[in-house]
Protein backbone atom coordinates (compact mmCIF):
# COMPACT_ATOMS: atom_id res chain seq x y z
CA MET A 1 -103.28 90.83 -138.52
CA SER A 2 -105.03 87.68 -137.31
CA GLU A 3 -104.69 86.26 -133.84
CA ILE A 4 -102.35 83.27 -133.37
CA ILE A 5 -104.32 80.28 -132.13
CA ASN A 6 -102.65 77.46 -130.23
CA LYS A 7 -104.47 74.46 -131.71
CA VAL A 8 -102.66 72.00 -129.40
CA ALA A 9 -103.78 73.86 -126.26
CA ASN A 10 -107.36 74.01 -127.55
CA SER A 11 -107.57 70.36 -128.56
CA PRO A 12 -109.10 67.57 -126.47
CA LEU A 13 -105.71 65.86 -126.54
CA VAL A 14 -104.61 64.29 -123.25
CA THR A 15 -100.88 63.97 -122.63
CA ILE A 16 -99.46 61.26 -120.39
CA ASP A 17 -95.96 62.10 -119.23
CA LEU A 18 -94.47 58.94 -117.71
CA GLU A 19 -91.70 61.07 -116.27
CA ASN A 20 -94.25 62.27 -113.72
CA PHE A 21 -94.37 58.71 -112.34
CA TYR A 22 -90.63 58.63 -111.63
CA ARG A 23 -89.89 58.32 -107.92
CA PRO A 24 -87.01 60.61 -106.86
CA GLU A 25 -85.75 58.59 -103.89
CA GLU A 26 -82.21 57.24 -104.05
CA ARG A 27 -81.89 53.67 -105.30
CA MET A 28 -79.62 51.16 -103.57
CA VAL A 29 -78.65 47.56 -104.18
CA PHE A 30 -78.36 45.16 -101.29
CA ASP A 31 -75.88 42.70 -102.79
CA LEU A 32 -75.88 39.27 -101.15
CA LYS A 33 -72.45 38.67 -102.71
CA ASP A 34 -70.96 40.50 -99.73
CA TYR A 35 -72.34 37.85 -97.38
CA LEU A 36 -71.19 34.72 -99.19
CA PHE A 37 -68.39 32.41 -98.18
CA GLN A 38 -65.74 32.74 -100.93
CA GLU A 39 -68.46 34.35 -103.10
CA LEU A 40 -69.89 30.87 -103.66
CA VAL A 41 -72.28 29.82 -100.95
CA LEU A 42 -74.32 31.35 -98.17
CA ARG A 43 -73.75 30.08 -94.65
CA GLU A 44 -76.98 30.56 -92.73
CA LYS A 45 -75.52 31.15 -89.27
CA ASP A 46 -72.96 33.70 -90.51
CA PHE A 47 -75.56 35.41 -92.67
CA ARG A 48 -78.08 35.79 -89.86
CA LEU A 49 -75.37 37.20 -87.58
CA ALA A 50 -74.27 39.68 -90.24
CA LEU A 51 -77.85 40.86 -90.78
CA LYS A 52 -78.32 41.24 -87.04
CA ASP A 53 -75.23 43.47 -86.80
CA LEU A 54 -75.95 45.50 -89.93
CA ASP A 55 -76.80 49.22 -89.64
CA TRP A 56 -80.17 49.12 -91.42
CA GLU A 57 -80.61 52.88 -91.00
CA ALA A 58 -78.38 53.35 -94.06
CA TYR A 59 -81.34 52.10 -96.13
CA ARG A 60 -84.04 54.29 -94.58
CA GLY A 61 -85.75 56.55 -97.12
CA LYS A 62 -84.22 54.67 -100.05
CA LEU A 63 -85.63 52.27 -102.62
CA VAL A 64 -83.78 48.95 -102.52
CA ALA A 65 -83.13 46.13 -104.98
CA ILE A 66 -82.08 42.92 -103.22
CA ASP A 67 -79.80 41.06 -105.61
CA CYS A 68 -76.78 38.82 -105.85
CA SER A 69 -74.23 40.00 -108.41
CA VAL A 70 -72.33 36.71 -108.62
CA ASP A 71 -73.37 33.27 -109.76
CA ALA A 72 -73.64 31.55 -106.39
CA ILE A 73 -75.72 29.14 -104.38
CA VAL A 74 -78.15 31.46 -102.57
CA PRO A 75 -81.40 30.08 -101.20
CA ASN A 76 -84.58 32.07 -101.82
CA TRP A 77 -85.17 32.59 -98.12
CA ALA A 78 -81.99 34.70 -97.88
CA PHE A 79 -83.47 37.36 -100.17
CA MET A 80 -86.73 37.27 -98.21
CA LEU A 81 -84.89 37.60 -94.90
CA VAL A 82 -83.26 40.81 -96.10
CA GLY A 83 -86.69 42.05 -97.23
CA ILE A 84 -88.11 41.40 -93.78
CA GLN A 85 -85.38 43.55 -92.22
CA LEU A 86 -86.02 46.37 -94.71
CA THR A 87 -89.77 46.23 -94.06
CA LYS A 88 -89.14 46.70 -90.34
CA ILE A 89 -87.83 50.21 -91.08
CA GLY A 90 -90.41 51.01 -93.76
CA VAL A 91 -88.18 50.56 -96.80
CA GLU A 92 -89.71 49.63 -100.16
CA TYR A 93 -87.80 46.92 -101.95
CA VAL A 94 -87.88 44.32 -104.69
CA ILE A 95 -86.04 41.06 -104.97
CA GLY A 96 -84.17 41.58 -108.20
CA ASP A 97 -81.85 44.08 -109.87
CA LEU A 98 -82.25 47.83 -110.34
CA LYS A 99 -84.13 47.28 -113.61
CA SER A 100 -86.68 45.16 -111.72
CA LEU A 101 -86.98 47.92 -109.13
CA GLU A 102 -87.75 50.53 -111.79
CA GLN A 103 -90.34 48.27 -113.41
CA PHE A 104 -91.99 47.70 -110.04
CA LEU A 105 -92.13 51.43 -109.28
CA PHE A 106 -93.66 52.29 -112.65
CA GLU A 107 -96.09 49.36 -112.45
CA GLU A 108 -97.20 50.60 -109.04
CA ALA A 109 -97.81 54.12 -110.41
CA ILE A 110 -99.53 52.97 -113.61
CA SER A 111 -101.82 50.63 -111.67
CA LYS A 112 -103.33 53.71 -109.97
CA ILE A 113 -104.47 55.17 -113.29
CA ASN A 114 -108.17 54.89 -114.03
CA PRO A 115 -108.38 53.99 -117.74
CA VAL A 116 -111.94 55.32 -117.90
CA ASP A 117 -110.46 58.82 -117.53
CA PHE A 118 -109.25 58.40 -121.14
CA LYS A 119 -112.58 57.23 -122.54
CA ASP A 120 -113.00 58.39 -126.16
CA LYS A 121 -110.08 60.83 -125.90
CA PRO A 122 -107.03 61.18 -128.11
CA VAL A 123 -103.95 60.44 -125.97
CA VAL A 124 -100.30 61.32 -126.49
CA ILE A 125 -97.73 59.37 -124.52
CA LYS A 126 -94.90 61.86 -124.13
CA GLY A 127 -91.57 60.63 -125.42
CA CYS A 128 -88.84 62.86 -124.03
CA SER A 129 -87.97 62.89 -120.35
CA LYS A 130 -85.25 64.00 -117.97
CA PHE A 131 -85.58 60.83 -115.91
CA PRO A 132 -85.08 57.23 -117.04
CA VAL A 133 -88.41 55.68 -118.01
CA PRO A 134 -88.16 51.93 -118.63
CA MET A 135 -89.54 50.55 -121.90
CA TYR A 136 -91.72 48.37 -119.72
CA ALA A 137 -93.69 51.46 -118.63
CA TYR A 138 -94.55 52.40 -122.22
CA GLY A 139 -95.99 48.94 -122.84
CA ARG A 140 -97.97 48.96 -119.59
CA ILE A 141 -99.54 52.37 -120.17
CA VAL A 142 -100.62 51.41 -123.69
CA ALA A 143 -102.13 48.15 -122.42
CA LYS A 144 -103.92 50.03 -119.64
CA ILE A 145 -105.63 52.67 -121.80
CA GLN A 146 -105.99 51.03 -125.23
CA GLY A 147 -109.49 49.73 -124.67
CA HIS A 148 -110.69 53.19 -123.65
CA ALA A 149 -108.80 55.86 -125.60
CA LYS A 150 -110.04 57.05 -128.99
CA SER A 151 -106.45 57.12 -130.23
CA ILE A 152 -102.95 56.70 -128.84
CA MET A 153 -99.93 58.55 -130.16
CA TYR A 154 -96.30 58.75 -129.09
CA GLY A 155 -94.07 61.83 -128.98
CA GLU A 156 -94.85 65.46 -128.32
CA PRO A 157 -98.29 67.03 -128.95
CA CYS A 158 -96.84 69.03 -131.84
CA SER A 159 -95.15 66.01 -133.46
CA THR A 160 -96.57 62.56 -132.80
CA VAL A 161 -96.38 59.05 -134.20
CA PRO A 162 -99.82 57.39 -134.40
CA LEU A 163 -99.93 54.03 -132.63
CA TYR A 164 -103.60 53.13 -132.27
CA LYS A 165 -106.98 54.40 -133.39
CA VAL A 166 -110.45 53.01 -132.74
CA ALA A 167 -111.96 51.66 -135.95
CA LYS A 168 -115.02 53.58 -137.15
């Protein structure tokens, strides 16, 4: 009887699992709607007082999206003022919704990848994950490595969809 050989394990194939870039911290939304007069307009004096009295510790250790969930007149500085308060306690945030937060977090992780590490290698971008990976991340990783990788595939090493191959 012949020995079973795992061709995938012995191949030069490099797998990128975007799930590994997922940050596990709890996500929160700081909704400026809660600070608006009649959910229409922001009053600066009232807003500054409310921020001063707010228990910011509730946000410590979390990832925060600063957003306004209603169509209202909210000046840009209001979002920035919240960000300044969050920065004081070391909280990472984005001005935008939760989708913007996820894109930021994946962009931050992908930017740390050295594309030269994939020079002339066949790459599989893993498809299945337990954590939500935004479509944005798939586009960014392809853009980051395409000029370096020999080929790019999507899926699992045993069953992939070819996306890109260097012309011979």
